Structures are given as structure tokens and as C-alpha cells.
Amino acid sequence: MTELQHRIILHAYVTEKSMDEMERQNKLEFVVDRRAHRAEVKTAIEQTYQCKVAKITIKIVRNGKIATVKFAPGFSAEDIGGRAGVF
């Protein structure tokens, strides 16, 4: 499953807006594979970062897909962002 996780989650997506969402709404954004479905992204993030995901929103942009992940209460987006390489 590790190979699949690395193919689905490409890297963290960092902008001023995503940093604000991380602090205020407990959300992170990731660039994901274009062929990945919402359920696959959720499973990959939960297994990679050992957390619970409350909600995933996916938007398609010119360069691919961006998944906005809201974490369940008890899991900090700042801690997970540190493990994902945001800082």
C-alpha cells in the first residue's frame, strides 16, 4: 500500500490561503494524482499520516487535482503539515 500512497499524494500545496486554512480551520491542501478518487485520497492520507479525516474537497485545476483535507477533532493540521514538509 505504501507505493500506492506515494502515487496518490504527490506533495503538499502551500499558499497564503492554505496556511490561513491550516491555522483557522484545521485544513491542509495536497496535490494528488489526477486519476485518484476521493476515497483513495482519504485512505492514503489516513494511512500515511496516522490521522482521521473529517472531510475532503477536491478541485481540478490546470496542473492537476488539489485535495483540501479537513482533519477530525483531536488531530492538528499544523502537526501533520510538519510531517508533510510544509514547514
PDB file of N, CA and C in Angstrom:
ATOM      1  N   MET A   1       0.819  -1.201   0.000  1.00  0.00           N
ATOM      2  CA  MET A   1       0.000   0.000   0.000  1.00  0.00           C
ATOM      3  C   MET A   1       0.858   1.259   0.000  1.00  0.00           C
ATOM      4  N   THR A   2       2.109   1.157   0.445  1.00  0.00           N
ATOM      5  CA  THR A   2       2.969   2.325   0.508  1.00  0.00           C
ATOM      6  C   THR A   2       3.218   2.909  -0.873  1.00  0.00           C
ATOM      7  N   GLU A   3       3.447   2.059  -1.872  1.00  0.00           N
ATOM      8  CA  GLU A   3       3.664   2.569  -3.228  1.00  0.00           C
ATOM      9  C   GLU A   3       2.434   3.315  -3.723  1.00  0.00           C
ATOM     10  N   LEU A   4       1.263   2.786  -3.436  1.00  0.00           N
ATOM     11  CA  LEU A   4       0.021   3.418  -3.867  1.00  0.00           C
ATOM     12  C   LEU A   4      -0.144   4.784  -3.202  1.00  0.00           C
ATOM     13  N   GLN A   5       0.184   4.889  -1.917  1.00  0.00           N
ATOM     14  CA  GLN A   5       0.063   6.157  -1.208  1.00  0.00           C
ATOM     15  C   GLN A   5       0.952   7.217  -1.836  1.00  0.00           C
ATOM     16  N   HIS A   6       2.157   6.840  -2.210  1.00  0.00           N
ATOM     17  CA  HIS A   6       3.082   7.807  -2.792  1.00  0.00           C
ATOM     18  C   HIS A   6       2.676   8.184  -4.213  1.00  0.00           C
ATOM     19  N   ARG A   7       1.939   7.333  -4.880  1.00  0.00           N
ATOM     20  CA  ARG A   7       1.458   7.680  -6.216  1.00  0.00           C
ATOM     21  C   ARG A   7       0.232   8.572  -6.150  1.00  0.00           C
ATOM     22  N   ILE A   8      -0.557   8.465  -5.076  1.00  0.00           N
ATOM     23  CA  ILE A   8      -1.767   9.268  -4.943  1.00  0.00           C
ATOM     24  C   ILE A   8      -1.431  10.666  -4.413  1.00  0.00           C
ATOM     25  N   ILE A   9      -0.716  10.745  -3.298  1.00  0.00           N
ATOM     26  CA  ILE A   9      -0.355  12.031  -2.694  1.00  0.00           C
ATOM     27  C   ILE A   9       0.989  12.452  -3.280  1.00  0.00           C
ATOM     28  N   LEU A  10       0.996  13.503  -4.084  1.00  0.00           N
ATOM     29  CA  LEU A  10       2.233  13.932  -4.713  1.00  0.00           C
ATOM     30  C   LEU A  10       3.041  14.841  -3.788  1.00  0.00           C
ATOM     31  N   HIS A  11       2.429  15.910  -3.267  1.00  0.00           N
ATOM     32  CA  HIS A  11       3.103  16.787  -2.307  1.00  0.00           C
ATOM     33  C   HIS A  11       2.096  17.758  -1.710  1.00  0.00           C
ATOM     34  N   ALA A  12       2.518  18.433  -0.637  1.00  0.00           N
ATOM     35  CA  ALA A  12       1.663  19.431  -0.007  1.00  0.00           C
ATOM     36  C   ALA A  12       1.610  20.670  -0.893  1.00  0.00           C
ATOM     37  N   TYR A  13       0.476  21.357  -0.876  1.00  0.00           N
ATOM     38  CA  TYR A  13       0.272  22.554  -1.676  1.00  0.00           C
ATOM     39  C   TYR A  13       0.212  23.730  -0.712  1.00  0.00           C
ATOM     40  N   VAL A  14       1.205  24.619  -0.778  1.00  0.00           N
ATOM     41  CA  VAL A  14       1.325  25.693   0.200  1.00  0.00           C
ATOM     42  C   VAL A  14       1.124  27.046  -0.477  1.00  0.00           C
ATOM     43  N   THR A  15       0.108  27.766  -0.022  1.00  0.00           N
ATOM     44  CA  THR A  15      -0.148  29.150  -0.437  1.00  0.00           C
ATOM     45  C   THR A  15      -0.519  29.929   0.822  1.00  0.00           C
ATOM     46  N   GLU A  16      -0.691  31.221   0.691  1.00  0.00           N
ATOM     47  CA  GLU A  16      -1.118  32.016   1.846  1.00  0.00           C
ATOM     48  C   GLU A  16      -2.499  31.565   2.320  1.00  0.00           C
ATOM     49  N   LYS A  17      -3.370  31.279   1.379  1.00  0.00           N
ATOM     50  CA  LYS A  17      -4.718  30.831   1.733  1.00  0.00           C
ATOM     51  C   LYS A  17      -4.678  29.486   2.457  1.00  0.00           C
ATOM     52  N   SER A  18      -3.853  28.571   1.966  1.00  0.00           N
ATOM     53  CA  SER A  18      -3.783  27.253   2.613  1.00  0.00           C
ATOM     54  C   SER A  18      -3.167  27.357   4.011  1.00  0.00           C
ATOM     55  N   MET A  19      -2.229  28.270   4.208  1.00  0.00           N
ATOM     56  CA  MET A  19      -1.651  28.457   5.544  1.00  0.00           C
ATOM     57  C   MET A  19      -2.695  29.032   6.498  1.00  0.00           C
ATOM     58  N   ASP A  20      -3.528  29.947   6.018  1.00  0.00           N
ATOM     59  CA  ASP A  20      -4.599  30.514   6.826  1.00  0.00           C
ATOM     60  C   ASP A  20      -5.620  29.441   7.194  1.00  0.00           C
ATOM     61  N   GLU A  21      -5.977  28.586   6.220  1.00  0.00           N
ATOM     62  CA  GLU A  21      -6.924  27.499   6.496  1.00  0.00           C
ATOM     63  C   GLU A  21      -6.341  26.513   7.493  1.00  0.00           C
ATOM     64  N   MET A  22      -5.030  26.293   7.436  1.00  0.00           N
ATOM     65  CA  MET A  22      -4.396  25.368   8.369  1.00  0.00           C
ATOM     66  C   MET A  22      -4.550  25.889   9.800  1.00  0.00           C
ATOM     67  N   GLU A  23      -4.342  27.168  10.003  1.00  0.00           N
ATOM     68  CA  GLU A  23      -4.423  27.738  11.347  1.00  0.00           C
ATOM     69  C   GLU A  23      -5.856  27.872  11.846  1.00  0.00           C
ATOM     70  N   ARG A  24      -6.752  28.317  10.984  1.00  0.00           N
ATOM     71  CA  ARG A  24      -8.109  28.642  11.419  1.00  0.00           C
ATOM     72  C   ARG A  24      -9.101  27.478  11.324  1.00  0.00           C
ATOM     73  N   GLN A  25      -8.958  26.627  10.296  1.00  0.00           N
ATOM     74  CA  GLN A  25      -9.978  25.612  10.044  1.00  0.00           C
ATOM     75  C   GLN A  25      -9.466  24.182  10.126  1.00  0.00           C
ATOM     76  N   ASN A  26      -8.212  23.988  10.514  1.00  0.00           N
ATOM     77  CA  ASN A  26      -7.631  22.649  10.650  1.00  0.00           C
ATOM     78  C   ASN A  26      -7.641  21.894   9.321  1.00  0.00           C
ATOM     79  N   LYS A  27      -7.219  22.598   8.231  1.00  0.00           N
ATOM     80  CA  LYS A  27      -7.205  22.011   6.890  1.00  0.00           C
ATOM     81  C   LYS A  27      -5.809  22.085   6.297  1.00  0.00           C
ATOM     82  N   LEU A  28      -5.513  21.144   5.409  1.00  0.00           N
ATOM     83  CA  LEU A  28      -4.293  21.146   4.607  1.00  0.00           C
ATOM     84  C   LEU A  28      -4.668  20.869   3.165  1.00  0.00           C
ATOM     85  N   GLU A  29      -3.826  21.321   2.240  1.00  0.00           N
ATOM     86  CA  GLU A  29      -4.059  21.043   0.829  1.00  0.00           C
ATOM     87  C   GLU A  29      -2.907  20.214   0.282  1.00  0.00           C
ATOM     88  N   PHE A  30      -3.257  19.241  -0.570  1.00  0.00           N
ATOM     89  CA  PHE A  30      -2.282  18.366  -1.193  1.00  0.00           C
ATOM     90  C   PHE A  30      -2.544  18.301  -2.692  1.00  0.00           C
ATOM     91  N   VAL A  31      -1.467  18.241  -3.469  1.00  0.00           N
ATOM     92  CA  VAL A  31      -1.595  17.961  -4.890  1.00  0.00           C
ATOM     93  C   VAL A  31      -1.658  16.440  -4.996  1.00  0.00           C
ATOM     94  N   VAL A  32      -2.687  15.943  -5.674  1.00  0.00           N
ATOM     95  CA  VAL A  32      -2.884  14.496  -5.781  1.00  0.00           C
ATOM     96  C   VAL A  32      -2.931  14.089  -7.251  1.00  0.00           C
ATOM     97  N   ASP A  33      -2.813  12.808  -7.487  1.00  0.00           N
ATOM     98  CA  ASP A  33      -2.864  12.256  -8.839  1.00  0.00           C
ATOM     99  C   ASP A  33      -4.220  12.549  -9.473  1.00  0.00           C
ATOM    100  N   ARG A  34      -4.203  12.868 -10.752  1.00  0.00           N
ATOM    101  CA  ARG A  34      -5.449  13.203 -11.472  1.00  0.00           C
ATOM    102  C   ARG A  34      -6.452  12.062 -11.473  1.00  0.00           C
ATOM    103  N   ARG A  35      -5.980  10.829 -11.427  1.00  0.00           N
ATOM    104  CA  ARG A  35      -6.883   9.674 -11.513  1.00  0.00           C
ATOM    105  C   ARG A  35      -7.413   9.238 -10.155  1.00  0.00           C
ATOM    106  N   ALA A  36      -6.943   9.851  -9.069  1.00  0.00           N
ATOM    107  CA  ALA A  36      -7.332   9.435  -7.722  1.00  0.00           C
ATOM    108  C   ALA A  36      -8.751   9.887  -7.393  1.00  0.00           C
ATOM    109  N   HIS A  37      -9.486   9.016  -6.733  1.00  0.00           N
ATOM    110  CA  HIS A  37     -10.830   9.320  -6.270  1.00  0.00           C
ATOM    111  C   HIS A  37     -10.765   9.810  -4.829  1.00  0.00           C
ATOM    112  N   ARG A  38     -11.839  10.405  -4.377  1.00  0.00           N
ATOM    113  CA  ARG A  38     -11.896  10.970  -3.028  1.00  0.00           C
ATOM    114  C   ARG A  38     -11.616   9.906  -1.962  1.00  0.00           C
ATOM    115  N   ALA A  39     -12.185   8.727  -2.111  1.00  0.00           N
ATOM    116  CA  ALA A  39     -11.988   7.663  -1.122  1.00  0.00           C
ATOM    117  C   ALA A  39     -10.529   7.201  -1.095  1.00  0.00           C
ATOM    118  N   GLU A  40      -9.891   7.146  -2.250  1.00  0.00           N
ATOM    119  CA  GLU A  40      -8.481   6.746  -2.309  1.00  0.00           C
ATOM    120  C   GLU A  40      -7.589   7.785  -1.646  1.00  0.00           C
ATOM    121  N   VAL A  41      -7.903   9.056  -1.852  1.00  0.00           N
ATOM    122  CA  VAL A  41      -7.126  10.121  -1.225  1.00  0.00           C
ATOM    123  C   VAL A  41      -7.282  10.055   0.287  1.00  0.00           C
ATOM    124  N   LYS A  42      -8.502   9.851   0.752  1.00  0.00           N
ATOM    125  CA  LYS A  42      -8.759   9.760   2.195  1.00  0.00           C
ATOM    126  C   LYS A  42      -7.976   8.609   2.818  1.00  0.00           C
ATOM    127  N   THR A  43      -8.034   7.451   2.210  1.00  0.00           N
ATOM    128  CA  THR A  43      -7.308   6.289   2.727  1.00  0.00           C
ATOM    129  C   THR A  43      -5.812   6.527   2.736  1.00  0.00           C
ATOM    130  N   ALA A  44      -5.284   7.097   1.672  1.00  0.00           N
ATOM    131  CA  ALA A  44      -3.840   7.337   1.582  1.00  0.00           C
ATOM    132  C   ALA A  44      -3.380   8.319   2.650  1.00  0.00           C
ATOM    133  N   ILE A  45      -4.138   9.382   2.882  1.00  0.00           N
ATOM    134  CA  ILE A  45      -3.747  10.373   3.890  1.00  0.00           C
ATOM    135  C   ILE A  45      -3.852   9.791   5.291  1.00  0.00           C
ATOM    136  N   GLU A  46      -4.919   9.057   5.573  1.00  0.00           N
ATOM    137  CA  GLU A  46      -5.073   8.458   6.895  1.00  0.00           C
ATOM    138  C   GLU A  46      -3.967   7.459   7.196  1.00  0.00           C
ATOM    139  N   GLN A  47      -3.569   6.669   6.219  1.00  0.00           N
ATOM    140  CA  GLN A  47      -2.527   5.678   6.449  1.00  0.00           C
ATOM    141  C   GLN A  47      -1.139   6.293   6.481  1.00  0.00           C
ATOM    142  N   THR A  48      -0.895   7.305   5.671  1.00  0.00           N
ATOM    143  CA  THR A  48       0.418   7.923   5.625  1.00  0.00           C
ATOM    144  C   THR A  48       0.707   8.723   6.890  1.00  0.00           C
ATOM    145  N   TYR A  49      -0.261   9.498   7.352  1.00  0.00           N
ATOM    146  CA  TYR A  49      -0.035  10.403   8.483  1.00  0.00           C
ATOM    147  C   TYR A  49      -0.687   9.936   9.785  1.00  0.00           C
ATOM    148  N   GLN A  50      -1.236   8.730   9.839  1.00  0.00           N
ATOM    149  CA  GLN A  50      -1.866   8.159  11.027  1.00  0.00           C
ATOM    150  C   GLN A  50      -2.818   9.157  11.688  1.00  0.00           C
ATOM    151  N   CYS A  51      -3.843   9.559  10.940  1.00  0.00           N
ATOM    152  CA  CYS A  51      -4.808  10.533  11.427  1.00  0.00           C
ATOM    153  C   CYS A  51      -6.201  10.147  10.941  1.00  0.00           C
ATOM    154  N   LYS A  52      -7.187  10.921  11.356  1.00  0.00           N
ATOM    155  CA  LYS A  52      -8.561  10.739  10.883  1.00  0.00           C
ATOM    156  C   LYS A  52      -8.953  11.957  10.060  1.00  0.00           C
ATOM    157  N   VAL A  53      -9.567  11.707   8.926  1.00  0.00           N
ATOM    158  CA  VAL A  53     -10.004  12.772   8.031  1.00  0.00           C
ATOM    159  C   VAL A  53     -11.501  12.965   8.206  1.00  0.00           C
ATOM    160  N   ALA A  54     -11.923  14.218   8.405  1.00  0.00           N
ATOM    161  CA  ALA A  54     -13.345  14.514   8.553  1.00  0.00           C
ATOM    162  C   ALA A  54     -13.998  14.743   7.196  1.00  0.00           C
ATOM    163  N   LYS A  55     -13.297  15.458   6.297  1.00  0.00           N
ATOM    164  CA  LYS A  55     -13.893  15.801   5.008  1.00  0.00           C
ATOM    165  C   LYS A  55     -12.801  16.071   3.983  1.00  0.00           C
ATOM    166  N   ILE A  56     -13.079  15.716   2.738  1.00  0.00           N
ATOM    167  CA  ILE A  56     -12.154  16.001   1.639  1.00  0.00           C
ATOM    168  C   ILE A  56     -12.926  16.709   0.532  1.00  0.00           C
ATOM    169  N   THR A  57     -12.346  17.801   0.055  1.00  0.00           N
ATOM    170  CA  THR A  57     -12.885  18.516  -1.087  1.00  0.00           C
ATOM    171  C   THR A  57     -11.815  18.498  -2.166  1.00  0.00           C
ATOM    172  N   ILE A  58     -12.192  18.135  -3.381  1.00  0.00           N
ATOM    173  CA  ILE A  58     -11.221  18.058  -4.472  1.00  0.00           C
ATOM    174  C   ILE A  58     -11.595  19.073  -5.541  1.00  0.00           C
ATOM    175  N   LYS A  59     -10.587  19.839  -5.977  1.00  0.00           N
ATOM    176  CA  LYS A  59     -10.815  20.765  -7.083  1.00  0.00           C
ATOM    177  C   LYS A  59      -9.807  20.449  -8.187  1.00  0.00           C
ATOM    178  N   ILE A  60     -10.283  20.569  -9.410  1.00  0.00           N
ATOM    179  CA  ILE A  60      -9.436  20.300 -10.566  1.00  0.00           C
ATOM    180  C   ILE A  60      -8.946  21.635 -11.104  1.00  0.00           C
ATOM    181  N   VAL A  61      -7.632  21.755 -11.206  1.00  0.00           N
ATOM    182  CA  VAL A  61      -7.008  22.969 -11.730  1.00  0.00           C
ATOM    183  C   VAL A  61      -6.229  22.605 -12.985  1.00  0.00           C
ATOM    184  N   ARG A  62      -5.653  23.590 -13.608  1.00  0.00           N
ATOM    185  CA  ARG A  62      -4.950  23.369 -14.868  1.00  0.00           C
ATOM    186  C   ARG A  62      -3.838  22.317 -14.748  1.00  0.00           C
ATOM    187  N   ASN A  63      -3.126  22.334 -13.635  1.00  0.00           N
ATOM    188  CA  ASN A  63      -1.972  21.442 -13.484  1.00  0.00           C
ATOM    189  C   ASN A  63      -2.288  20.121 -12.808  1.00  0.00           C
ATOM    190  N   GLY A  64      -3.520  19.869 -12.427  1.00  0.00           N
ATOM    191  CA  GLY A  64      -3.852  18.599 -11.775  1.00  0.00           C
ATOM    192  C   GLY A  64      -5.017  18.750 -10.814  1.00  0.00           C
ATOM    193  N   LYS A  65      -4.986  17.960  -9.736  1.00  0.00           N
ATOM    194  CA  LYS A  65      -6.031  17.987  -8.718  1.00  0.00           C
ATOM    195  C   LYS A  65      -5.437  18.444  -7.403  1.00  0.00           C
ATOM    196  N   ILE A  66      -6.210  19.242  -6.682  1.00  0.00           N
ATOM    197  CA  ILE A  66      -5.810  19.672  -5.349  1.00  0.00           C
ATOM    198  C   ILE A  66      -6.881  19.204  -4.376  1.00  0.00           C
ATOM    199  N   ALA A  67      -6.455  18.465  -3.358  1.00  0.00           N
ATOM    200  CA  ALA A  67      -7.377  17.963  -2.348  1.00  0.00           C
ATOM    201  C   ALA A  67      -7.231  18.808  -1.089  1.00  0.00           C
ATOM    202  N   THR A  68      -8.333  19.374  -0.627  1.00  0.00           N
ATOM    203  CA  THR A  68      -8.356  20.100   0.639  1.00  0.00           C
ATOM    204  C   THR A  68      -8.883  19.131   1.687  1.00  0.00           C
ATOM    205  N   VAL A  69      -8.068  18.879   2.701  1.00  0.00           N
ATOM    206  CA  VAL A  69      -8.376  17.854   3.700  1.00  0.00           C
ATOM    207  C   VAL A  69      -8.643  18.521   5.038  1.00  0.00           C
ATOM    208  N   LYS A  70      -9.838  18.287   5.581  1.00  0.00           N
ATOM    209  CA  LYS A  70     -10.174  18.767   6.925  1.00  0.00           C
ATOM    210  C   LYS A  70     -10.010  17.588   7.874  1.00  0.00           C
ATOM    211  N   PHE A  71      -9.216  17.807   8.903  1.00  0.00           N
ATOM    212  CA  PHE A  71      -8.926  16.734   9.855  1.00  0.00           C
ATOM    213  C   PHE A  71      -9.942  16.710  10.986  1.00  0.00           C
ATOM    214  N   ALA A  72     -10.161  15.527  11.529  1.00  0.00           N
ATOM    215  CA  ALA A  72     -11.105  15.332  12.618  1.00  0.00           C
ATOM    216  C   ALA A  72     -10.576  16.014  13.884  1.00  0.00           C
ATOM    217  N   PRO A  73     -11.481  16.388  14.798  1.00  0.00           N
ATOM    218  CA  PRO A  73     -11.026  16.971  16.063  1.00  0.00           C
ATOM    219  C   PRO A  73     -10.072  16.012  16.775  1.00  0.00           C
ATOM    220  N   GLY A  74      -9.036  16.574  17.348  1.00  0.00           N
ATOM    221  CA  GLY A  74      -8.030  15.748  18.005  1.00  0.00           C
ATOM    222  C   GLY A  74      -6.778  15.573  17.168  1.00  0.00           C
ATOM    223  N   PHE A  75      -6.836  15.934  15.905  1.00  0.00           N
ATOM    224  CA  PHE A  75      -5.679  15.867  15.010  1.00  0.00           C
ATOM    225  C   PHE A  75      -5.379  17.276  14.514  1.00  0.00           C
ATOM    226  N   SER A  76      -4.160  17.721  14.701  1.00  0.00           N
ATOM    227  CA  SER A  76      -3.771  19.077  14.351  1.00  0.00           C
ATOM    228  C   SER A  76      -3.193  19.134  12.939  1.00  0.00           C
ATOM    229  N   ALA A  77      -3.723  20.030  12.119  1.00  0.00           N
ATOM    230  CA  ALA A  77      -3.205  20.208  10.758  1.00  0.00           C
ATOM    231  C   ALA A  77      -1.771  20.731  10.796  1.00  0.00           C
ATOM    232  N   GLU A  78      -1.425  21.506  11.811  1.00  0.00           N
ATOM    233  CA  GLU A  78      -0.059  22.028  11.921  1.00  0.00           C
ATOM    234  C   GLU A  78       0.931  20.904  12.167  1.00  0.00           C
ATOM    235  N   ASP A  79       0.587  19.944  13.025  1.00  0.00           N
ATOM    236  CA  ASP A  79       1.468  18.800  13.276  1.00  0.00           C
ATOM    237  C   ASP A  79       1.624  17.945  12.025  1.00  0.00           C
ATOM    238  N   ILE A  80       0.521  17.678  11.358  1.00  0.00           N
ATOM    239  CA  ILE A  80       0.553  16.860  10.150  1.00  0.00           C
ATOM    240  C   ILE A  80       1.281  17.613   9.042  1.00  0.00           C
ATOM    241  N   GLY A  81       1.103  18.929   8.964  1.00  0.00           N
ATOM    242  CA  GLY A  81       1.813  19.737   7.997  1.00  0.00           C
ATOM    243  C   GLY A  81       3.316  19.690   8.211  1.00  0.00           C
ATOM    244  N   GLY A  82       3.732  19.627   9.448  1.00  0.00           N
ATOM    245  CA  GLY A  82       5.152  19.489   9.750  1.00  0.00           C
ATOM    246  C   GLY A  82       5.695  18.177   9.236  1.00  0.00           C
ATOM    247  N   ARG A  83       4.927  17.124   9.373  1.00  0.00           N
ATOM    248  CA  ARG A  83       5.364  15.815   8.852  1.00  0.00           C
ATOM    249  C   ARG A  83       5.303  15.762   7.348  1.00  0.00           C
ATOM    250  N   ALA A  84       4.396  16.561   6.730  1.00  0.00           N
ATOM    251  CA  ALA A  84       4.249  16.557   5.281  1.00  0.00           C
ATOM    252  C   ALA A  84       5.264  17.458   4.596  1.00  0.00           C
ATOM    253  N   GLY A  85       6.018  18.230   5.363  1.00  0.00           N
ATOM    254  CA  GLY A  85       7.040  19.081   4.774  1.00  0.00           C
ATOM    255  C   GLY A  85       6.568  20.477   4.429  1.00  0.00           C
ATOM    256  N   VAL A  86       5.508  20.949   5.082  1.00  0.00           N
ATOM    257  CA  VAL A  86       5.011  22.289   4.818  1.00  0.00           C
ATOM    258  C   VAL A  86       5.965  23.331   5.401  1.00  0.00           C
ATOM    259  N   PHE A  87       6.537  23.039   6.562  1.00  0.00           N
ATOM    260  CA  PHE A  87       7.421  23.998   7.230  1.00  0.00           C
ATOM    261  C   PHE A  87       8.866  23.716   6.922  1.00  0.00           C
TER     262      PHE A  87
END
